[in-house]
Amino acid sequence: MRTARRGGEIRVAVRASSLPPGEMMIRSWRRRQQAP
């Protein structure tokens, strides 16, 4: 796990994040031609 050591950086303990449909398609290989 990387820490916020560089100037101007913060590290966030994530409580919520999104997984958009485009990324789900990448994970399922349905967009392998458009996004290798």
PDB file of all heavy atoms in Angstrom:
ATOM      1  N   MET A   1       0.836  -1.155   0.000  1.00  0.00           N
ATOM      2  CA  MET A   1       0.000   0.000   0.000  1.00  0.00           C
ATOM      3  C   MET A   1       0.894   1.235   0.000  1.00  0.00           C
ATOM      4  O   MET A   1       1.817   1.339   0.782  1.00  0.00           O
ATOM      5  CB  MET A   1      -0.880  -0.070   1.248  1.00  0.00           C
ATOM      6  CG  MET A   1      -1.436   1.212   1.679  1.00  0.00           C
ATOM      7  SD  MET A   1      -2.463   1.133   3.177  1.00  0.00           S
ATOM      8  CE  MET A   1      -2.050  -0.359   3.967  1.00  0.00           C
ATOM      9  N   ARG A   2       0.627   2.126  -0.930  1.00  0.00           N
ATOM     10  CA  ARG A   2       1.414   3.352  -1.031  1.00  0.00           C
ATOM     11  C   ARG A   2       0.957   4.386  -0.028  1.00  0.00           C
ATOM     12  O   ARG A   2      -0.221   4.477   0.302  1.00  0.00           O
ATOM     13  CB  ARG A   2       1.276   3.920  -2.433  1.00  0.00           C
ATOM     14  CG  ARG A   2       2.635   4.352  -2.957  1.00  0.00           C
ATOM     15  CD  ARG A   2       2.575   4.918  -4.328  1.00  0.00           C
ATOM     16  NE  ARG A   2       2.829   6.331  -4.155  1.00  0.00           N
ATOM     17  CZ  ARG A   2       2.216   7.273  -4.812  1.00  0.00           C
ATOM     18  NH1 ARG A   2       1.319   6.992  -5.689  1.00  0.00           N
ATOM     19  NH2 ARG A   2       2.496   8.513  -4.607  1.00  0.00           N
ATOM     20  N   THR A   3       1.874   5.170   0.451  1.00  0.00           N
ATOM     21  CA  THR A   3       1.532   6.240   1.385  1.00  0.00           C
ATOM     22  C   THR A   3       1.640   7.589   0.688  1.00  0.00           C
ATOM     23  O   THR A   3       2.223   7.699  -0.379  1.00  0.00           O
ATOM     24  CB  THR A   3       2.478   6.215   2.601  1.00  0.00           C
ATOM     25  OG1 THR A   3       3.808   6.407   2.141  1.00  0.00           O
ATOM     26  CG2 THR A   3       2.379   4.905   3.348  1.00  0.00           C
ATOM     27  N   ALA A   4       1.083   8.606   1.322  1.00  0.00           N
ATOM     28  CA  ALA A   4       1.106   9.970   0.763  1.00  0.00           C
ATOM     29  C   ALA A   4       2.399  10.643   1.181  1.00  0.00           C
ATOM     30  O   ALA A   4       2.446  11.432   2.102  1.00  0.00           O
ATOM     31  CB  ALA A   4      -0.101  10.755   1.252  1.00  0.00           C
ATOM     32  N   ARG A   5       3.467  10.324   0.513  1.00  0.00           N
ATOM     33  CA  ARG A   5       4.778  10.857   0.876  1.00  0.00           C
ATOM     34  C   ARG A   5       5.182  12.050   0.007  1.00  0.00           C
ATOM     35  O   ARG A   5       6.023  12.823   0.381  1.00  0.00           O
ATOM     36  CB  ARG A   5       5.830   9.767   0.756  1.00  0.00           C
ATOM     37  CG  ARG A   5       5.526   8.595   1.637  1.00  0.00           C
ATOM     38  CD  ARG A   5       6.692   8.299   2.536  1.00  0.00           C
ATOM     39  NE  ARG A   5       6.477   7.078   3.264  1.00  0.00           N
ATOM     40  CZ  ARG A   5       6.109   7.045   4.532  1.00  0.00           C
ATOM     41  NH1 ARG A   5       5.913   8.145   5.189  1.00  0.00           N
ATOM     42  NH2 ARG A   5       5.943   5.898   5.141  1.00  0.00           N
ATOM     43  N   ARG A   6       4.608  12.155  -1.171  1.00  0.00           N
ATOM     44  CA  ARG A   6       4.959  13.273  -2.043  1.00  0.00           C
ATOM     45  C   ARG A   6       4.238  14.529  -1.596  1.00  0.00           C
ATOM     46  O   ARG A   6       3.150  14.480  -1.046  1.00  0.00           O
ATOM     47  CB  ARG A   6       4.558  12.963  -3.482  1.00  0.00           C
ATOM     48  CG  ARG A   6       5.364  11.847  -4.074  1.00  0.00           C
ATOM     49  CD  ARG A   6       5.047  11.737  -5.536  1.00  0.00           C
ATOM     50  NE  ARG A   6       5.042  10.333  -5.891  1.00  0.00           N
ATOM     51  CZ  ARG A   6       4.468   9.840  -6.945  1.00  0.00           C
ATOM     52  NH1 ARG A   6       3.814  10.612  -7.765  1.00  0.00           N
ATOM     53  NH2 ARG A   6       4.521   8.563  -7.203  1.00  0.00           N
ATOM     54  N   GLY A   7       4.843  15.651  -1.867  1.00  0.00           N
ATOM     55  CA  GLY A   7       4.206  16.919  -1.547  1.00  0.00           C
ATOM     56  C   GLY A   7       2.884  17.075  -2.278  1.00  0.00           C
ATOM     57  O   GLY A   7       2.770  16.707  -3.438  1.00  0.00           O
ATOM     58  N   GLY A   8       1.890  17.579  -1.572  1.00  0.00           N
ATOM     59  CA  GLY A   8       0.598  17.826  -2.187  1.00  0.00           C
ATOM     60  C   GLY A   8      -0.300  16.616  -2.305  1.00  0.00           C
ATOM     61  O   GLY A   8      -1.378  16.712  -2.879  1.00  0.00           O
ATOM     62  N   GLU A   9       0.087  15.466  -1.761  1.00  0.00           N
ATOM     63  CA  GLU A   9      -0.728  14.255  -1.848  1.00  0.00           C
ATOM     64  C   GLU A   9      -1.487  14.010  -0.553  1.00  0.00           C
ATOM     65  O   GLU A   9      -1.024  14.372   0.529  1.00  0.00           O
ATOM     66  CB  GLU A   9       0.134  13.015  -2.084  1.00  0.00           C
ATOM     67  CG  GLU A   9       0.509  12.765  -3.501  1.00  0.00           C
ATOM     68  CD  GLU A   9       1.172  11.413  -3.676  1.00  0.00           C
ATOM     69  OE1 GLU A   9       1.672  10.809  -2.714  1.00  0.00           O
ATOM     70  OE2 GLU A   9       1.184  10.947  -4.821  1.00  0.00           O
ATOM     71  N   ILE A  10      -2.649  13.382  -0.704  1.00  0.00           N
ATOM     72  CA  ILE A  10      -3.353  12.851   0.455  1.00  0.00           C
ATOM     73  C   ILE A  10      -3.652  11.382   0.185  1.00  0.00           C
ATOM     74  O   ILE A  10      -3.708  10.954  -0.965  1.00  0.00           O
ATOM     75  CB  ILE A  10      -4.673  13.599   0.758  1.00  0.00           C
ATOM     76  CG1 ILE A  10      -5.696  13.411  -0.360  1.00  0.00           C
ATOM     77  CG2 ILE A  10      -4.408  15.055   1.042  1.00  0.00           C
ATOM     78  CD1 ILE A  10      -7.088  13.922  -0.021  1.00  0.00           C
ATOM     79  N   ARG A  11      -3.805  10.625   1.255  1.00  0.00           N
ATOM     80  CA  ARG A  11      -4.275   9.245   1.126  1.00  0.00           C
ATOM     81  C   ARG A  11      -5.620   9.182   1.826  1.00  0.00           C
ATOM     82  O   ARG A  11      -5.796   9.749   2.897  1.00  0.00           O
ATOM     83  CB  ARG A  11      -3.312   8.255   1.757  1.00  0.00           C
ATOM     84  CG  ARG A  11      -3.717   6.818   1.471  1.00  0.00           C
ATOM     85  CD  ARG A  11      -2.728   5.823   1.990  1.00  0.00           C
ATOM     86  NE  ARG A  11      -2.880   5.698   3.436  1.00  0.00           N
ATOM     87  CZ  ARG A  11      -2.234   4.795   4.159  1.00  0.00           C
ATOM     88  NH1 ARG A  11      -1.383   3.965   3.597  1.00  0.00           N
ATOM     89  NH2 ARG A  11      -2.410   4.745   5.465  1.00  0.00           N
ATOM     90  N   VAL A  12      -6.562   8.501   1.183  1.00  0.00           N
ATOM     91  CA  VAL A  12      -7.924   8.413   1.684  1.00  0.00           C
ATOM     92  C   VAL A  12      -8.244   6.969   2.032  1.00  0.00           C
ATOM     93  O   VAL A  12      -8.016   6.066   1.211  1.00  0.00           O
ATOM     94  CB  VAL A  12      -8.920   8.941   0.624  1.00  0.00           C
ATOM     95  CG1 VAL A  12     -10.352   8.744   1.064  1.00  0.00           C
ATOM     96  CG2 VAL A  12      -8.647  10.401   0.322  1.00  0.00           C
ATOM     97  N   ALA A  13      -8.750   6.745   3.230  1.00  0.00           N
ATOM     98  CA  ALA A  13      -9.318   5.450   3.596  1.00  0.00           C
ATOM     99  C   ALA A  13     -10.696   5.412   2.937  1.00  0.00           C
ATOM    100  O   ALA A  13     -11.601   6.144   3.325  1.00  0.00           O
ATOM    101  CB  ALA A  13      -9.414   5.312   5.103  1.00  0.00           C
ATOM    102  N   VAL A  14     -10.843   4.592   1.915  1.00  0.00           N
ATOM    103  CA  VAL A  14     -12.036   4.599   1.067  1.00  0.00           C
ATOM    104  C   VAL A  14     -13.230   3.992   1.805  1.00  0.00           C
ATOM    105  O   VAL A  14     -13.130   2.914   2.383  1.00  0.00           O
ATOM    106  CB  VAL A  14     -11.767   3.826  -0.246  1.00  0.00           C
ATOM    107  CG1 VAL A  14     -13.030   3.721  -1.090  1.00  0.00           C
ATOM    108  CG2 VAL A  14     -10.646   4.493  -1.033  1.00  0.00           C
ATOM    109  N   ARG A  15     -14.337   4.731   1.745  1.00  0.00           N
ATOM    110  CA  ARG A  15     -15.600   4.245   2.300  1.00  0.00           C
ATOM    111  C   ARG A  15     -16.595   3.935   1.187  1.00  0.00           C
ATOM    112  O   ARG A  15     -17.503   3.141   1.378  1.00  0.00           O
ATOM    113  CB  ARG A  15     -16.204   5.285   3.244  1.00  0.00           C
ATOM    114  CG  ARG A  15     -15.317   5.648   4.411  1.00  0.00           C
ATOM    115  CD  ARG A  15     -15.133   4.462   5.349  1.00  0.00           C
ATOM    116  NE  ARG A  15     -14.374   4.832   6.530  1.00  0.00           N
ATOM    117  CZ  ARG A  15     -13.094   4.509   6.746  1.00  0.00           C
ATOM    118  NH1 ARG A  15     -12.446   3.806   5.845  1.00  0.00           N
ATOM    119  NH2 ARG A  15     -12.477   4.878   7.831  1.00  0.00           N
ATOM    120  N   ALA A  16     -16.433   4.583   0.023  1.00  0.00           N
ATOM    121  CA  ALA A  16     -17.318   4.345  -1.117  1.00  0.00           C
ATOM    122  C   ALA A  16     -16.564   4.673  -2.399  1.00  0.00           C
ATOM    123  O   ALA A  16     -15.754   5.598  -2.434  1.00  0.00           O
ATOM    124  CB  ALA A  16     -18.568   5.211  -1.023  1.00  0.00           C
ATOM    125  N   SER A  17     -16.815   3.889  -3.432  1.00  0.00           N
ATOM    126  CA  SER A  17     -16.261   4.162  -4.763  1.00  0.00           C
ATOM    127  C   SER A  17     -17.222   3.588  -5.788  1.00  0.00           C
ATOM    128  O   SER A  17     -18.116   2.824  -5.449  1.00  0.00           O
ATOM    129  CB  SER A  17     -14.864   3.559  -4.925  1.00  0.00           C
ATOM    130  OG  SER A  17     -14.918   2.158  -4.813  1.00  0.00           O
ATOM    131  N   SER A  18     -17.029   3.964  -7.030  1.00  0.00           N
ATOM    132  CA  SER A  18     -17.948   3.490  -8.064  1.00  0.00           C
ATOM    133  C   SER A  18     -17.252   2.510  -8.992  1.00  0.00           C
ATOM    134  O   SER A  18     -16.030   2.460  -9.067  1.00  0.00           O
ATOM    135  CB  SER A  18     -18.496   4.666  -8.868  1.00  0.00           C
ATOM    136  OG  SER A  18     -17.463   5.230  -9.652  1.00  0.00           O
ATOM    137  N   LEU A  19     -18.069   1.742  -9.674  1.00  0.00           N
ATOM    138  CA  LEU A  19     -17.586   0.849 -10.721  1.00  0.00           C
ATOM    139  C   LEU A  19     -18.494   1.073 -11.923  1.00  0.00           C
ATOM    140  O   LEU A  19     -19.557   0.476 -12.033  1.00  0.00           O
ATOM    141  CB  LEU A  19     -17.624  -0.608 -10.269  1.00  0.00           C
ATOM    142  CG  LEU A  19     -17.024  -1.616 -11.235  1.00  0.00           C
ATOM    143  CD1 LEU A  19     -15.555  -1.299 -11.518  1.00  0.00           C
ATOM    144  CD2 LEU A  19     -17.156  -3.014 -10.684  1.00  0.00           C
ATOM    145  N   PRO A  20     -18.107   2.011 -12.810  1.00  0.00           N
ATOM    146  CA  PRO A  20     -18.963   2.348 -13.941  1.00  0.00           C
ATOM    147  C   PRO A  20     -19.130   1.178 -14.916  1.00  0.00           C
ATOM    148  O   PRO A  20     -18.302   0.261 -14.958  1.00  0.00           O
ATOM    149  CB  PRO A  20     -18.233   3.502 -14.631  1.00  0.00           C
ATOM    150  CG  PRO A  20     -17.115   3.892 -13.750  1.00  0.00           C
ATOM    151  CD  PRO A  20     -16.888   2.790 -12.779  1.00  0.00           C
ATOM    152  N   PRO A  21     -20.197   1.223 -15.724  1.00  0.00           N
ATOM    153  CA  PRO A  21     -20.449   0.151 -16.687  1.00  0.00           C
ATOM    154  C   PRO A  21     -19.274  -0.122 -17.629  1.00  0.00           C
ATOM    155  O   PRO A  21     -18.985  -1.267 -17.951  1.00  0.00           O
ATOM    156  CB  PRO A  21     -21.666   0.640 -17.470  1.00  0.00           C
ATOM    157  CG  PRO A  21     -22.356   1.569 -16.539  1.00  0.00           C
ATOM    158  CD  PRO A  21     -21.262   2.216 -15.727  1.00  0.00           C
ATOM    159  N   GLY A  22     -18.574   0.933 -18.056  1.00  0.00           N
ATOM    160  CA  GLY A  22     -17.431   0.730 -18.956  1.00  0.00           C
ATOM    161  C   GLY A  22     -16.348  -0.121 -18.322  1.00  0.00           C
ATOM    162  O   GLY A  22     -15.755  -0.985 -18.978  1.00  0.00           O
ATOM    163  N   GLU A  23     -16.082   0.097 -17.047  1.00  0.00           N
ATOM    164  CA  GLU A  23     -15.070  -0.708 -16.359  1.00  0.00           C
ATOM    165  C   GLU A  23     -15.551  -2.139 -16.154  1.00  0.00           C
ATOM    166  O   GLU A  23     -14.768  -3.077 -16.211  1.00  0.00           O
ATOM    167  CB  GLU A  23     -14.681  -0.064 -15.037  1.00  0.00           C
ATOM    168  CG  GLU A  23     -13.835   1.165 -15.252  1.00  0.00           C
ATOM    169  CD  GLU A  23     -13.190   1.661 -13.964  1.00  0.00           C
ATOM    170  OE1 GLU A  23     -13.240   0.958 -12.943  1.00  0.00           O
ATOM    171  OE2 GLU A  23     -12.632   2.753 -14.012  1.00  0.00           O
ATOM    172  N   MET A  24     -16.857  -2.311 -15.926  1.00  0.00           N
ATOM    173  CA  MET A  24     -17.381  -3.680 -15.813  1.00  0.00           C
ATOM    174  C   MET A  24     -17.206  -4.424 -17.132  1.00  0.00           C
ATOM    175  O   MET A  24     -16.904  -5.611 -17.136  1.00  0.00           O
ATOM    176  CB  MET A  24     -18.849  -3.654 -15.390  1.00  0.00           C
ATOM    177  CG  MET A  24     -19.024  -3.233 -13.949  1.00  0.00           C
ATOM    178  SD  MET A  24     -20.688  -3.439 -13.304  1.00  0.00           S
ATOM    179  CE  MET A  24     -21.602  -2.232 -14.229  1.00  0.00           C
ATOM    180  N   MET A  25     -17.389  -3.712 -18.245  1.00  0.00           N
ATOM    181  CA  MET A  25     -17.195  -4.341 -19.552  1.00  0.00           C
ATOM    182  C   MET A  25     -15.733  -4.705 -19.777  1.00  0.00           C
ATOM    183  O   MET A  25     -15.444  -5.745 -20.370  1.00  0.00           O
ATOM    184  CB  MET A  25     -17.696  -3.427 -20.657  1.00  0.00           C
ATOM    185  CG  MET A  25     -19.176  -3.301 -20.711  1.00  0.00           C
ATOM    186  SD  MET A  25     -19.622  -2.233 -22.094  1.00  0.00           S
ATOM    187  CE  MET A  25     -21.356  -2.090 -21.868  1.00  0.00           C
ATOM    188  N   ILE A  26     -14.821  -3.860 -19.317  1.00  0.00           N
ATOM    189  CA  ILE A  26     -13.399  -4.184 -19.436  1.00  0.00           C
ATOM    190  C   ILE A  26     -13.094  -5.434 -18.621  1.00  0.00           C
ATOM    191  O   ILE A  26     -12.432  -6.352 -19.094  1.00  0.00           O
ATOM    192  CB  ILE A  26     -12.526  -2.999 -18.977  1.00  0.00           C
ATOM    193  CG1 ILE A  26     -12.612  -1.855 -19.990  1.00  0.00           C
ATOM    194  CG2 ILE A  26     -11.077  -3.439 -18.768  1.00  0.00           C
ATOM    195  CD1 ILE A  26     -11.968  -0.567 -19.537  1.00  0.00           C
ATOM    196  N   ARG A  27     -13.581  -5.497 -17.386  1.00  0.00           N
ATOM    197  CA  ARG A  27     -13.324  -6.647 -16.515  1.00  0.00           C
ATOM    198  C   ARG A  27     -13.905  -7.936 -17.089  1.00  0.00           C
ATOM    199  O   ARG A  27     -13.373  -9.012 -16.874  1.00  0.00           O
ATOM    200  CB  ARG A  27     -13.897  -6.411 -15.122  1.00  0.00           C
ATOM    201  CG  ARG A  27     -13.311  -5.254 -14.394  1.00  0.00           C
ATOM    202  CD  ARG A  27     -11.917  -5.463 -13.963  1.00  0.00           C
ATOM    203  NE  ARG A  27     -11.808  -6.370 -12.856  1.00  0.00           N
ATOM    204  CZ  ARG A  27     -10.661  -6.763 -12.349  1.00  0.00           C
ATOM    205  NH1 ARG A  27      -9.537  -6.312 -12.845  1.00  0.00           N
ATOM    206  NH2 ARG A  27     -10.611  -7.600 -11.371  1.00  0.00           N
ATOM    207  N   SER A  28     -15.022  -7.836 -17.799  1.00  0.00           N
ATOM    208  CA  SER A  28     -15.660  -9.033 -18.358  1.00  0.00           C
ATOM    209  C   SER A  28     -15.168  -9.354 -19.768  1.00  0.00           C
ATOM    210  O   SER A  28     -15.669 -10.269 -20.393  1.00  0.00           O
ATOM    211  CB  SER A  28     -17.177  -8.858 -18.375  1.00  0.00           C
ATOM    212  OG  SER A  28     -17.544  -7.861 -19.311  1.00  0.00           O
ATOM    213  N   TRP A  29     -14.220  -8.597 -20.270  1.00  0.00           N
ATOM    214  CA  TRP A  29     -13.618  -8.768 -21.600  1.00  0.00           C
ATOM    215  C   TRP A  29     -14.557  -8.377 -22.743  1.00  0.00           C
ATOM    216  O   TRP A  29     -14.244  -8.598 -23.900  1.00  0.00           O
ATOM    217  CB  TRP A  29     -13.132 -10.197 -21.821  1.00  0.00           C
ATOM    218  CG  TRP A  29     -11.921 -10.514 -21.019  1.00  0.00           C
ATOM    219  CD1 TRP A  29     -11.905 -11.089 -19.792  1.00  0.00           C
ATOM    220  CD2 TRP A  29     -10.565 -10.276 -21.363  1.00  0.00           C
ATOM    221  NE1 TRP A  29     -10.620 -11.227 -19.343  1.00  0.00           N
ATOM    222  CE2 TRP A  29      -9.764 -10.738 -20.301  1.00  0.00           C
ATOM    223  CE3 TRP A  29      -9.929  -9.699 -22.466  1.00  0.00           C
ATOM    224  CZ2 TRP A  29      -8.392 -10.647 -20.310  1.00  0.00           C
ATOM    225  CZ3 TRP A  29      -8.557  -9.627 -22.476  1.00  0.00           C
ATOM    226  CH2 TRP A  29      -7.810 -10.093 -21.400  1.00  0.00           C
ATOM    227  N   ARG A  30     -15.713  -7.794 -22.472  1.00  0.00           N
ATOM    228  CA  ARG A  30     -16.619  -7.409 -23.555  1.00  0.00           C
ATOM    229  C   ARG A  30     -16.112  -6.212 -24.349  1.00  0.00           C
ATOM    230  O   ARG A  30     -16.601  -5.961 -25.438  1.00  0.00           O
ATOM    231  CB  ARG A  30     -18.014  -7.115 -23.015  1.00  0.00           C
ATOM    232  CG  ARG A  30     -18.746  -8.400 -22.629  1.00  0.00           C
ATOM    233  CD  ARG A  30     -20.143  -8.119 -22.202  1.00  0.00           C
ATOM    234  NE  ARG A  30     -20.083  -7.620 -20.833  1.00  0.00           N
ATOM    235  CZ  ARG A  30     -21.110  -7.146 -20.161  1.00  0.00           C
ATOM    236  NH1 ARG A  30     -22.283  -7.079 -20.734  1.00  0.00           N
ATOM    237  NH2 ARG A  30     -20.983  -6.733 -18.932  1.00  0.00           N
ATOM    238  N   ARG A  31     -15.135  -5.477 -23.834  1.00  0.00           N
ATOM    239  CA  ARG A  31     -14.593  -4.323 -24.556  1.00  0.00           C
ATOM    240  C   ARG A  31     -13.129  -4.529 -24.917  1.00  0.00           C
ATOM    241  O   ARG A  31     -12.391  -3.581 -25.084  1.00  0.00           O
ATOM    242  CB  ARG A  31     -14.745  -3.059 -23.703  1.00  0.00           C
ATOM    243  CG  ARG A  31     -16.200  -2.695 -23.501  1.00  0.00           C
ATOM    244  CD  ARG A  31     -16.355  -1.343 -22.931  1.00  0.00           C
ATOM    245  NE  ARG A  31     -15.978  -0.347 -23.920  1.00  0.00           N
ATOM    246  CZ  ARG A  31     -15.744   0.917 -23.632  1.00  0.00           C
ATOM    247  NH1 ARG A  31     -15.856   1.343 -22.408  1.00  0.00           N
ATOM    248  NH2 ARG A  31     -15.400   1.766 -24.564  1.00  0.00           N
ATOM    249  N   ARG A  32     -12.712  -5.751 -25.055  1.00  0.00           N
ATOM    250  CA  ARG A  32     -11.287  -6.013 -25.299  1.00  0.00           C
ATOM    251  C   ARG A  32     -10.781  -5.401 -26.601  1.00  0.00           C
ATOM    252  O   ARG A  32      -9.616  -5.081 -26.704  1.00  0.00           O
ATOM    253  CB  ARG A  32     -10.986  -7.496 -25.206  1.00  0.00           C
ATOM    254  CG  ARG A  32     -11.517  -8.306 -26.337  1.00  0.00           C
ATOM    255  CD  ARG A  32     -11.191  -9.778 -26.179  1.00  0.00           C
ATOM    256  NE  ARG A  32     -12.432 -10.494 -26.398  1.00  0.00           N
ATOM    257  CZ  ARG A  32     -12.881 -11.478 -25.677  1.00  0.00           C
ATOM    258  NH1 ARG A  32     -12.184 -11.911 -24.685  1.00  0.00           N
ATOM    259  NH2 ARG A  32     -14.004 -12.037 -25.939  1.00  0.00           N
ATOM    260  N   GLN A  33     -11.655  -5.214 -27.594  1.00  0.00           N
ATOM    261  CA  GLN A  33     -11.228  -4.595 -28.848  1.00  0.00           C
ATOM    262  C   GLN A  33     -11.027  -3.082 -28.679  1.00  0.00           C
ATOM    263  O   GLN A  33     -10.069  -2.523 -29.189  1.00  0.00           O
ATOM    264  CB  GLN A  33     -12.266  -4.855 -29.955  1.00  0.00           C
ATOM    265  CG  GLN A  33     -12.472  -6.313 -30.276  1.00  0.00           C
ATOM    266  CD  GLN A  33     -11.196  -6.988 -30.749  1.00  0.00           C
ATOM    267  OE1 GLN A  33     -10.404  -6.402 -31.479  1.00  0.00           O
ATOM    268  NE2 GLN A  33     -10.988  -8.227 -30.323  1.00  0.00           N
ATOM    269  N   GLN A  34     -11.925  -2.427 -27.960  1.00  0.00           N
ATOM    270  CA  GLN A  34     -11.846  -0.978 -27.777  1.00  0.00           C
ATOM    271  C   GLN A  34     -10.850  -0.577 -26.691  1.00  0.00           C
ATOM    272  O   GLN A  34     -10.271   0.494 -26.743  1.00  0.00           O
ATOM    273  CB  GLN A  34     -13.215  -0.392 -27.395  1.00  0.00           C
ATOM    274  CG  GLN A  34     -14.283  -0.591 -28.414  1.00  0.00           C
ATOM    275  CD  GLN A  34     -15.087  -1.866 -28.124  1.00  0.00           C
ATOM    276  OE1 GLN A  34     -14.714  -2.701 -27.327  1.00  0.00           O
ATOM    277  NE2 GLN A  34     -16.205  -1.992 -28.815  1.00  0.00           N
ATOM    278  N   ALA A  35     -10.694  -1.413 -25.678  1.00  0.00           N
ATOM    279  CA  ALA A  35      -9.839  -1.076 -24.539  1.00  0.00           C
ATOM    280  C   ALA A  35      -8.991  -2.276 -24.143  1.00  0.00           C
ATOM    281  O   ALA A  35      -9.285  -2.963 -23.169  1.00  0.00           O
ATOM    282  CB  ALA A  35     -10.698  -0.624 -23.368  1.00  0.00           C
ATOM    283  N   PRO A  36      -7.947  -2.571 -24.935  1.00  0.00           N
ATOM    284  CA  PRO A  36      -7.100  -3.711 -24.569  1.00  0.00           C
ATOM    285  C   PRO A  36      -6.472  -3.484 -23.197  1.00  0.00           C
ATOM    286  O   PRO A  36      -5.960  -2.403 -22.918  1.00  0.00           O
ATOM    287  CB  PRO A  36      -6.046  -3.758 -25.668  1.00  0.00           C
ATOM    288  CG  PRO A  36      -6.224  -2.536 -26.489  1.00  0.00           C
ATOM    289  CD  PRO A  36      -7.479  -1.858 -26.084  1.00  0.00           C
TER     290      PRO A  36
END
